Each structure stands twice: as C-alpha cells, then as structure tokens.
Amino acid sequence: MIRKNIFSIAVILLNAFLSLAGPETFDGNKFPDIPYMDKLAHLAMYFLLTAVIVTEHRYSIKNLRQLFFVALIPFSVGVLMELLQLFITSNRDADIMDVVFNTAGIVLALMFCLTARIVPKPGIR
C-alpha cells in the first residue's frame, strides 16, 4: 500500500514541512517579495499534491464520484495543516484564505487531469 502511494506520501510530507516550519527556517533564502506569493504557493502545493494522487490512482478511478472522493484527500490534508498551525505551532497562523487557495489548486488539478485525460471523462470508459 505504501509503495503504491510513495509519491503522494512524499508530497504530503513536503507540504507538512512547508506548512509547519517556522519562518526562521527560510530566513537565509531570498524569496522575491511578491504580494500574495504565499497564496500562490498554497495553490501550487495542492495542485501538485492532487495531480500526484490522481496520477498514482489513475487506473482505479472509474468515474467522477471516485475522482471527487480522491480529491477529498488533499482537501483534508490542507484543513489538517491549518488546524495544526492553529493549535501546535506558535509561529504560524491558520488562515481561511489558505484553505480557499488549497481548494483552488485542487480544483485546477482535477480540471487539468480531466483535460489531459490522465483520468477518463465520464462515458469514455
């Protein structure tokens, strides 16, 4: 089971590290000062996570309902990360807009996977 989901687990762990690490972890890095860059990072992280999960399970997803249930995994991870930021970190804050951008990344990844035919559209199979 773990071997089948190794990339998904790796991306979840990367997202967890990036979500829970304190700002001092990134102090030495010179990131561009772009407004709302953190929101774009959330969108990109959850786009990647969703695309990886869908790709790893592409042969077992038979319809949109199953695709929706697979999409609940990254959504749940995103909500969990925000709750962990709220309750276990002292240097990070939970933000509902992060959940909104996580969800936008998930939706964009699903649209990409359907358009790129990584999973079939309804009625194709």
Protein backbone atom coordinates (compact mmCIF):
# COMPACT_ATOMS: atom_id res chain seq x y z
CA MET A 1 0.00 0.00 0.00
CA ILE A 2 2.74 2.46 0.93
CA ARG A 3 4.75 1.55 -2.16
CA LYS A 4 1.77 2.33 -4.38
CA ASN A 5 1.45 5.79 -2.79
CA ILE A 6 5.10 6.69 -2.27
CA PHE A 7 4.98 9.93 -4.29
CA SER A 8 1.74 11.06 -2.64
CA ILE A 9 3.22 10.44 0.79
CA ALA A 10 6.39 12.32 -0.16
CA VAL A 11 4.40 15.35 -1.36
CA ILE A 12 2.21 15.27 1.77
CA LEU A 13 5.34 15.25 3.95
CA LEU A 14 6.82 18.12 1.93
CA ASN A 15 3.57 20.10 2.31
CA ALA A 16 3.55 19.37 6.04
CA PHE A 17 7.13 20.58 6.42
CA LEU A 18 6.45 23.76 4.44
CA SER A 19 3.20 24.39 6.32
CA LEU A 20 4.54 23.82 9.84
CA ALA A 21 8.13 25.07 9.62
CA GLY A 22 8.74 28.38 11.28
CA PRO A 23 9.74 31.47 9.34
CA GLU A 24 13.28 31.20 10.73
CA THR A 25 13.70 28.07 8.60
CA PHE A 26 13.50 30.21 5.48
CA ASP A 27 15.36 33.32 6.72
CA GLY A 28 18.54 32.64 4.72
CA ASN A 29 16.65 32.27 1.45
CA LYS A 30 15.99 35.24 -0.74
CA PHE A 31 12.43 34.86 -1.94
CA PRO A 32 11.02 37.57 -4.20
CA ASP A 33 8.71 39.96 -2.37
CA ILE A 34 5.62 39.36 -4.50
CA PRO A 35 2.24 40.23 -3.00
CA TYR A 36 0.20 37.13 -2.11
CA MET A 37 3.10 34.84 -3.02
CA ASP A 38 2.16 32.59 -0.09
CA LYS A 39 -1.32 32.11 -1.56
CA LEU A 40 0.14 31.16 -4.93
CA ALA A 41 2.42 28.72 -3.10
CA HIS A 42 -0.64 27.12 -1.47
CA LEU A 43 -2.33 26.82 -4.85
CA ALA A 44 0.79 25.24 -6.39
CA MET A 45 1.39 22.84 -3.47
CA TYR A 46 -2.14 21.46 -3.54
CA PHE A 47 -2.23 21.38 -7.35
CA LEU A 48 0.89 19.19 -7.20
CA LEU A 49 -0.47 17.01 -4.41
CA THR A 50 -3.78 16.41 -6.20
CA ALA A 51 -2.09 15.71 -9.54
CA VAL A 52 0.25 13.20 -7.91
CA ILE A 53 -2.56 11.41 -6.06
CA VAL A 54 -4.77 11.26 -9.16
CA THR A 55 -1.87 10.05 -11.30
CA GLU A 56 -0.97 7.31 -8.84
CA HIS A 57 -4.59 6.12 -8.80
CA ARG A 58 -5.50 6.80 -12.43
CA TYR A 59 -6.25 3.15 -13.22
CA SER A 60 -8.62 2.70 -10.29
CA ILE A 61 -10.65 5.91 -10.81
CA LYS A 62 -13.64 4.93 -12.94
CA ASN A 63 -15.99 7.92 -12.62
CA LEU A 64 -16.34 11.47 -11.34
CA ARG A 65 -17.67 10.30 -7.99
CA GLN A 66 -14.48 8.35 -7.31
CA LEU A 67 -12.43 11.32 -8.52
CA PHE A 68 -14.29 13.54 -6.06
CA PHE A 69 -13.53 11.16 -3.20
CA VAL A 70 -9.85 11.07 -4.18
CA ALA A 71 -9.88 14.91 -4.13
CA LEU A 72 -11.06 14.81 -0.51
CA ILE A 73 -7.60 13.53 0.47
CA PRO A 74 -5.67 16.71 -0.39
CA PHE A 75 -8.55 18.84 0.89
CA SER A 76 -8.42 17.02 4.25
CA VAL A 77 -4.64 17.36 4.37
CA GLY A 78 -4.95 21.11 3.77
CA VAL A 79 -7.53 21.59 6.51
CA LEU A 80 -5.46 19.45 8.87
CA MET A 81 -2.36 21.57 8.19
CA GLU A 82 -4.29 24.75 9.00
CA LEU A 83 -5.61 23.22 12.24
CA LEU A 84 -2.10 22.10 13.19
CA GLN A 85 -0.82 25.62 12.51
CA LEU A 86 -3.53 26.95 14.80
CA PHE A 87 -3.08 24.50 17.67
CA ILE A 88 0.51 23.22 17.73
CA THR A 89 2.68 25.99 16.29
CA SER A 90 3.43 29.26 17.99
CA ASN A 91 4.94 30.97 14.96
CA ARG A 92 2.34 30.18 12.29
CA ASP A 93 -1.28 31.30 11.96
CA ALA A 94 -4.20 29.47 10.44
CA ASP A 95 -5.88 31.34 7.59
CA ILE A 96 -9.16 30.51 5.88
CA MET A 97 -7.79 32.05 2.68
CA ASP A 98 -5.10 29.37 2.68
CA VAL A 99 -7.85 26.74 2.60
CA VAL A 100 -9.53 28.64 -0.26
CA PHE A 101 -6.30 28.65 -2.29
CA ASN A 102 -5.63 25.00 -1.42
CA THR A 103 -9.08 24.19 -2.77
CA ALA A 104 -8.45 26.26 -5.90
CA GLY A 105 -5.27 24.25 -6.52
CA ILE A 106 -7.20 21.01 -6.06
CA VAL A 107 -9.94 22.09 -8.50
CA LEU A 108 -7.39 23.25 -11.09
CA ALA A 109 -5.54 19.94 -10.81
CA LEU A 110 -8.78 17.99 -11.29
CA MET A 111 -9.61 20.08 -14.35
CA PHE A 112 -6.09 19.52 -15.68
CA CYS A 113 -6.28 15.76 -15.08
CA LEU A 114 -9.62 15.53 -16.87
CA THR A 115 -8.47 17.73 -19.76
CA ALA A 116 -5.15 15.92 -20.16
CA ARG A 117 -7.04 12.62 -19.93
CA ILE A 118 -4.98 11.37 -17.02
CA VAL A 119 -8.34 10.05 -15.84
CA PRO A 120 -11.16 9.45 -18.28
CA LYS A 121 -14.10 11.76 -18.63
CA PRO A 122 -17.47 10.22 -17.78
CA GLY A 123 -18.71 7.95 -20.55
CA ILE A 124 -15.28 7.41 -22.11
CA ARG A 125 -14.62 4.13 -20.36
